Protein backbone atom coordinates (compact mmCIF):
# COMPACT_ATOMS: atom_id res chain seq x y z
CA MET A 1 -12.70 11.64 1.17
CA SER A 2 -14.94 12.41 -1.82
CA ARG A 3 -18.66 11.90 -1.50
CA PRO A 4 -20.03 8.63 -2.93
CA LYS A 5 -21.26 8.93 -6.54
CA TYR A 6 -24.75 7.89 -5.58
CA LYS A 7 -24.94 10.87 -3.22
CA LYS A 8 -24.30 13.52 -5.88
CA TYR A 9 -27.64 15.10 -5.17
CA ILE A 10 -26.51 15.86 -1.60
CA THR A 11 -24.92 19.32 -1.36
CA PRO A 12 -21.50 19.71 0.31
CA ASN A 13 -23.07 21.66 3.16
CA ILE A 14 -25.63 18.95 3.89
CA TYR A 15 -22.91 16.31 3.73
CA LYS A 16 -20.76 18.30 6.16
CA ILE A 17 -23.67 18.70 8.58
CA PHE A 18 -24.53 14.98 8.33
CA LYS A 19 -20.92 13.99 8.96
CA GLY A 20 -20.66 16.35 11.91
CA ILE A 21 -23.73 14.82 13.56
CA PHE A 22 -23.44 11.16 12.62
CA GLY A 23 -19.76 10.74 11.65
CA LYS A 24 -18.41 9.60 15.03
CA PRO A 25 -21.32 7.25 15.88
CA LEU A 26 -21.16 5.62 12.45
CA ARG A 27 -17.42 5.23 12.75
CA TYR A 28 -17.75 3.62 16.17
CA ILE A 29 -20.31 1.18 14.76
CA ALA A 30 -18.03 0.28 11.82
CA ASP A 31 -15.01 -0.20 14.10
CA ARG A 32 -16.93 -2.44 16.51
CA TYR A 33 -18.47 -4.46 13.69
CA GLU A 34 -15.13 -5.10 11.98
CA THR A 35 -13.41 -5.97 15.26
CA ILE A 36 -16.08 -8.52 16.17
CA TRP A 37 -16.49 -10.12 12.73
CA ASN A 38 -12.79 -10.25 11.81
CA PRO A 39 -11.08 -12.08 14.69
CA VAL A 40 -7.29 -11.81 14.72
CA PRO A 41 -5.87 -14.77 12.77
CA LYS A 42 -3.13 -16.97 14.16
CA THR A 43 0.16 -16.06 12.49
CA PRO A 44 2.42 -18.93 11.41
CA SER A 45 5.02 -19.10 14.16
CA ARG A 46 8.12 -19.11 11.97
CA ALA A 47 8.55 -17.29 8.69
CA ILE A 48 9.78 -19.36 5.75
CA THR A 49 12.11 -17.91 3.13
CA GLY A 50 9.98 -16.70 0.25
CA TRP A 51 7.38 -14.11 -0.77
CA SER A 52 3.87 -13.47 0.53
CA VAL A 53 2.05 -11.08 -1.79
CA VAL A 54 -0.86 -9.48 0.06
CA VAL A 55 -3.33 -7.48 -2.03
CA ILE A 56 -6.31 -5.63 -0.58
CA THR A 57 -9.35 -5.18 -2.79
CA ASP A 58 -13.03 -4.29 -2.69
CA GLY A 59 -13.57 -6.58 -5.68
CA ASN A 60 -15.17 -3.86 -7.80
CA ASN A 61 -12.52 -3.92 -10.54
CA LYS A 62 -12.01 -7.48 -11.72
CA SER A 63 -9.68 -6.55 -14.56
CA SER A 64 -7.25 -4.69 -12.28
CA LEU A 65 -7.20 -7.49 -9.72
CA GLU A 66 -6.67 -10.09 -12.45
CA LEU A 67 -3.72 -8.12 -13.86
CA PHE A 68 -2.21 -7.84 -10.39
CA ILE A 69 -2.53 -11.56 -9.64
CA LYS A 70 -1.28 -12.70 -13.06
CA SER A 71 1.73 -10.40 -12.94
CA ALA A 72 2.67 -11.57 -9.43
CA TYR A 73 2.29 -15.20 -10.53
CA ASN A 74 4.44 -14.63 -13.64
CA GLU A 75 7.26 -13.29 -11.47
CA LEU A 76 7.04 -15.80 -8.63
CA CYS A 77 5.86 -19.09 -10.14
CA GLY A 78 8.32 -21.88 -9.53
CA THR A 79 9.51 -20.30 -6.29
CA ASP A 80 8.28 -20.34 -2.70
CA TYR A 81 5.43 -17.83 -2.66
CA GLU A 82 1.77 -17.23 -1.91
CA ILE A 83 -0.81 -14.69 -3.07
CA ILE A 84 -3.18 -13.54 -0.34
CA VAL A 85 -6.27 -11.63 -1.43
CA VAL A 86 -7.94 -9.67 1.36
CA GLY A 87 -11.43 -8.76 0.26
CA PRO A 88 -15.18 -9.21 0.75
CA PRO A 89 -16.39 -12.64 1.91
CA LYS A 90 -18.31 -13.18 -1.36
CA LEU A 91 -15.44 -12.05 -3.58
CA ASP A 92 -15.63 -13.81 -6.95
CA LEU A 93 -12.24 -15.18 -8.01
CA SER A 94 -13.55 -17.87 -10.35
CA TYR A 95 -12.24 -15.98 -13.40
CA ILE A 96 -8.61 -16.32 -12.26
CA GLU A 97 -6.59 -19.02 -14.06
CA LYS A 98 -6.80 -22.34 -12.22
CA ASP A 99 -3.01 -22.76 -12.20
CA ILE A 100 -2.69 -19.73 -9.92
CA ILE A 101 -3.12 -20.69 -6.28
CA ILE A 102 -4.77 -17.94 -4.28
CA MET A 103 -5.58 -17.67 -0.61
CA HIS A 104 -8.77 -15.64 -0.23
CA VAL A 105 -8.85 -14.00 3.20
CA PRO A 106 -12.40 -12.74 3.78
CA TYR A 107 -12.64 -9.39 5.54
CA LYS A 108 -16.10 -8.27 6.65
CA GLU A 109 -16.19 -4.52 6.20
CA LEU A 110 -19.18 -2.40 7.18
CA SER A 111 -19.71 0.19 4.47
CA LEU A 112 -21.26 3.29 6.01
CA TRP A 113 -21.56 6.73 4.49
CA THR A 114 -18.83 9.12 5.79
CA VAL A 115 -16.77 6.15 7.07
CA PRO A 116 -13.68 5.50 4.87
CA GLY A 117 -12.41 2.02 4.03
CA ALA A 118 -10.38 0.08 6.59
CA VAL A 119 -7.13 -0.11 4.60
CA ALA A 120 -4.82 -0.27 7.64
CA ARG A 121 -6.86 -3.04 9.25
CA LYS A 122 -6.85 -5.03 6.00
CA LYS A 123 -3.08 -4.75 5.56
CA ASN A 124 -2.45 -5.85 9.14
CA PHE A 125 -5.02 -8.63 8.73
CA GLY A 126 -3.36 -9.99 5.59
CA ALA A 127 0.19 -9.79 6.94
CA LYS A 128 -0.78 -11.75 10.05
CA GLN A 129 -1.59 -14.72 7.82
CA ALA A 130 1.57 -14.57 5.70
CA LYS A 131 3.91 -17.53 6.05
CA TYR A 132 6.93 -16.15 4.17
CA ASP A 133 9.56 -13.73 5.44
CA LYS A 134 9.22 -11.12 2.68
CA VAL A 135 5.79 -9.52 2.26
CA VAL A 136 4.41 -7.23 -0.42
CA LEU A 137 1.47 -5.12 0.73
CA SER A 138 -0.37 -3.59 -2.20
CA HIS A 139 -3.60 -2.20 -3.56
CA ASP A 140 -5.12 -4.02 -6.51
CA TYR A 141 -4.25 -1.50 -9.26
CA LEU A 142 -0.51 -2.26 -9.41
CA VAL A 143 1.11 -4.60 -11.93
CA PHE A 144 4.48 -6.33 -11.41
CA GLN A 145 6.77 -5.61 -14.34
CA PRO A 146 9.00 -8.32 -15.91
CA GLY A 147 12.23 -8.69 -13.95
CA TRP A 148 10.70 -7.69 -10.61
CA LYS A 149 11.77 -10.94 -8.91
CA LYS A 150 15.29 -10.88 -10.40
CA GLY A 151 15.72 -7.34 -9.12
CA TYR A 152 14.89 -8.41 -5.57
CA ASP A 153 17.07 -11.51 -5.83
CA LYS A 154 20.03 -9.20 -6.45
CA PHE A 155 18.90 -6.65 -3.89
CA GLY A 156 19.07 -8.76 -0.75
CA ASP A 157 17.45 -8.41 2.67
CA PHE A 158 15.52 -5.43 4.03
CA SER A 159 13.17 -4.34 6.81
CA VAL A 160 11.13 -1.87 4.76
CA CYS A 161 11.65 -1.36 1.05
CA THR A 162 10.01 0.06 -2.02
CA ASN A 163 10.92 -0.06 -5.70
CA VAL A 164 10.23 1.95 -8.83
CA VAL A 165 6.53 2.77 -9.20
CA LEU A 166 5.32 4.02 -12.58
CA ASP A 167 1.99 5.60 -13.44
CA ILE A 168 -0.18 4.20 -16.23
CA ASP A 169 1.72 6.29 -18.80
CA GLY A 170 5.11 4.99 -17.67
CA ASN A 171 6.16 8.09 -15.78
CA ARG A 172 7.68 7.92 -12.32
CA HIS A 173 5.08 8.12 -9.58
CA ARG A 174 5.64 9.09 -5.92
CA ASP A 175 7.71 6.05 -5.04
CA TRP A 176 10.84 7.23 -3.18
CA VAL A 177 10.04 10.52 -1.53
CA THR A 178 10.77 13.01 1.21
CA TRP A 179 7.86 14.30 3.26
CA ASP A 180 9.24 16.82 5.72
CA TYR A 181 12.76 17.60 4.53
CA PRO A 182 13.80 20.90 6.17
CA GLY A 183 13.05 23.84 3.90
CA ILE A 184 11.65 21.56 1.19
CA GLY A 185 8.95 19.26 2.50
CA GLN A 186 7.66 16.89 -0.20
CA SER A 187 9.85 15.81 -3.11
CA LEU A 188 10.90 12.91 -5.28
CA LEU A 189 14.26 11.70 -4.01
CA PRO A 190 16.88 10.34 -6.45
CA TYR A 191 16.97 6.56 -6.20
CA ASN A 192 20.62 6.51 -5.14
CA HIS A 193 20.04 8.74 -2.09
CA GLU A 194 18.44 7.97 1.28
CA CYS A 195 17.37 10.21 4.15
CA THR A 196 14.94 8.04 6.11
CA GLU A 197 14.52 10.64 8.86
CA TYR A 198 12.63 12.85 6.38
CA GLN A 199 10.99 10.16 4.24
CA THR A 200 7.72 8.25 4.10
CA ILE A 201 6.72 5.02 2.36
CA GLY A 202 3.63 5.11 0.14
CA GLY A 203 0.82 2.91 1.41
CA ASN A 204 -0.43 1.77 -1.98
CA TYR A 205 2.61 -0.50 -2.45
CA PHE A 206 5.69 -1.51 -0.47
CA ALA A 207 7.68 -4.56 0.63
CA VAL A 208 8.47 -5.39 4.24
CA ASN A 209 10.00 -8.04 6.43
CA ARG A 210 7.05 -9.97 7.86
CA ASP A 211 8.19 -10.10 11.47
CA PHE A 212 9.18 -6.43 11.48
CA PHE A 213 5.71 -5.48 10.23
CA LEU A 214 4.01 -7.70 12.80
CA GLU A 215 6.00 -5.93 15.51
CA HIS A 216 5.20 -2.53 14.01
CA PRO A 217 1.72 -2.75 12.43
CA MET A 218 -0.26 0.14 10.98
CA ASN A 219 -2.52 2.22 13.18
CA GLU A 220 -5.98 0.69 12.76
CA ASN A 221 -7.66 3.84 14.07
CA LEU A 222 -6.75 5.48 10.75
CA ARG A 223 -8.73 4.69 7.61
CA TRP A 224 -8.45 5.44 3.90
CA GLY A 225 -7.42 9.03 3.20
CA GLU A 226 -6.39 9.68 6.80
CA GLY A 227 -2.64 9.24 6.30
CA GLU A 228 -2.22 5.75 7.71
CA ASP A 229 0.94 5.31 5.61
CA ILE A 230 2.41 8.63 6.79
CA ASP A 231 1.64 7.79 10.42
CA TRP A 232 3.25 4.35 10.04
CA SER A 233 6.35 5.79 8.37
CA PHE A 234 6.79 8.34 11.14
CA SER A 235 6.48 5.60 13.77
CA ILE A 236 9.25 3.41 12.31
CA ARG A 237 11.73 5.67 10.58
CA ASN A 238 13.79 6.16 13.73
CA LYS A 239 14.14 2.38 14.07
CA ILE A 240 15.42 1.32 10.64
CA LYS A 241 16.61 2.64 7.29
CA PHE A 242 14.17 2.69 4.39
CA ARG A 243 15.63 1.06 1.29
CA MET A 244 15.07 1.58 -2.42
CA ASN A 245 15.34 -1.18 -5.02
CA ALA A 246 15.74 0.60 -8.34
CA GLU A 247 16.04 -2.70 -10.26
CA SER A 248 12.43 -3.79 -9.76
CA LYS A 249 9.31 -2.04 -11.05
CA VAL A 250 5.55 -2.01 -10.68
CA GLN A 251 3.10 0.07 -12.69
CA HIS A 252 -0.39 1.44 -12.19
CA SER A 253 -3.12 -0.23 -14.22
CA LYS A 254 -5.51 2.70 -13.77
CA ARG A 255 -5.09 6.44 -13.94
CA LYS A 256 -4.23 8.17 -10.70
CA THR A 257 -2.84 11.67 -10.15
CA LYS A 258 -0.91 12.50 -13.33
CA GLY A 259 2.63 13.79 -13.18
CA ILE A 260 4.51 15.75 -10.56
CA PHE A 261 3.35 19.32 -10.09
CA GLY A 262 2.88 22.05 -7.50
CA ASN A 263 4.83 21.66 -4.27
CA TRP A 264 6.04 18.19 -5.35
CA LEU A 265 7.69 19.59 -8.47
CA GLU A 266 9.13 22.55 -6.59
CA GLY A 267 10.46 20.32 -3.82
CA THR A 268 12.01 17.90 -6.31
CA GLN A 269 13.85 20.69 -8.08
CA LYS A 270 15.13 22.04 -4.76
CA ILE A 271 16.43 18.73 -3.45
CA GLU A 272 18.10 17.91 -6.76
CA ALA A 273 19.91 21.24 -6.56
CA ILE A 274 20.97 20.56 -2.95
CA LEU A 275 22.29 17.09 -3.75
CA LYS A 276 24.09 18.35 -6.84
CA GLN A 277 25.79 21.04 -4.77
CA LYS A 278 26.93 18.45 -2.22
CA THR A 279 28.66 16.39 -4.92
CA LEU A 280 30.61 19.33 -6.33
């Protein structure tokens, strides 16, 4: 986790010492606070056919959140759906078009230096209030691309699924990947291949069957930057097959890591060579 911008005057060594002394107590305080002030919601007993789009946000980037909500609405309006925004209790959503119905789920998060954000807790929290059987769990910097809904209509049912994820420049991001493929490790996997036993699902965006996710939630002891998505993938990949919908797309609305390089590029080249050899 990078140091907060307002702490730039604190040297890395001082930060490390501070975290070593106060990190665990502050984390305990944050965990207790969030457990007490965010009681577990009552999940609708029976999932209805449709889409629940759950987006987690800190509310600091209104333009990104607005793009996310509008793009989801454009794809799902006229169908059975809901948009659930998990964010601060005082989150301002007044700038969103009135025609778009939003369920704001307040999450009281205690922001403490050295304590990362509670992304796993927020995703679990939002999913527990979803009423539809198919759930999107996403961060607020993704944008649904035209045809997203049609792609899923053709795709059919799934337990855990992802689709094409593009960066802000339109290049493929780390959407359908291997993590610990023997002799390779991390790589981009061709969309028409699957090897769940060596794959992980990115935590910034994925789709999941609601009841499956409720039975297999994310580990709330892990916070932002601590691999909560990797841990979750490892815990479920021996139970189901991950699926890839190459007909639907989302795209980043802000710049993240650009391109595929280093071990990701090397791994991608290796696995492409292996798969090509298998087809010969």
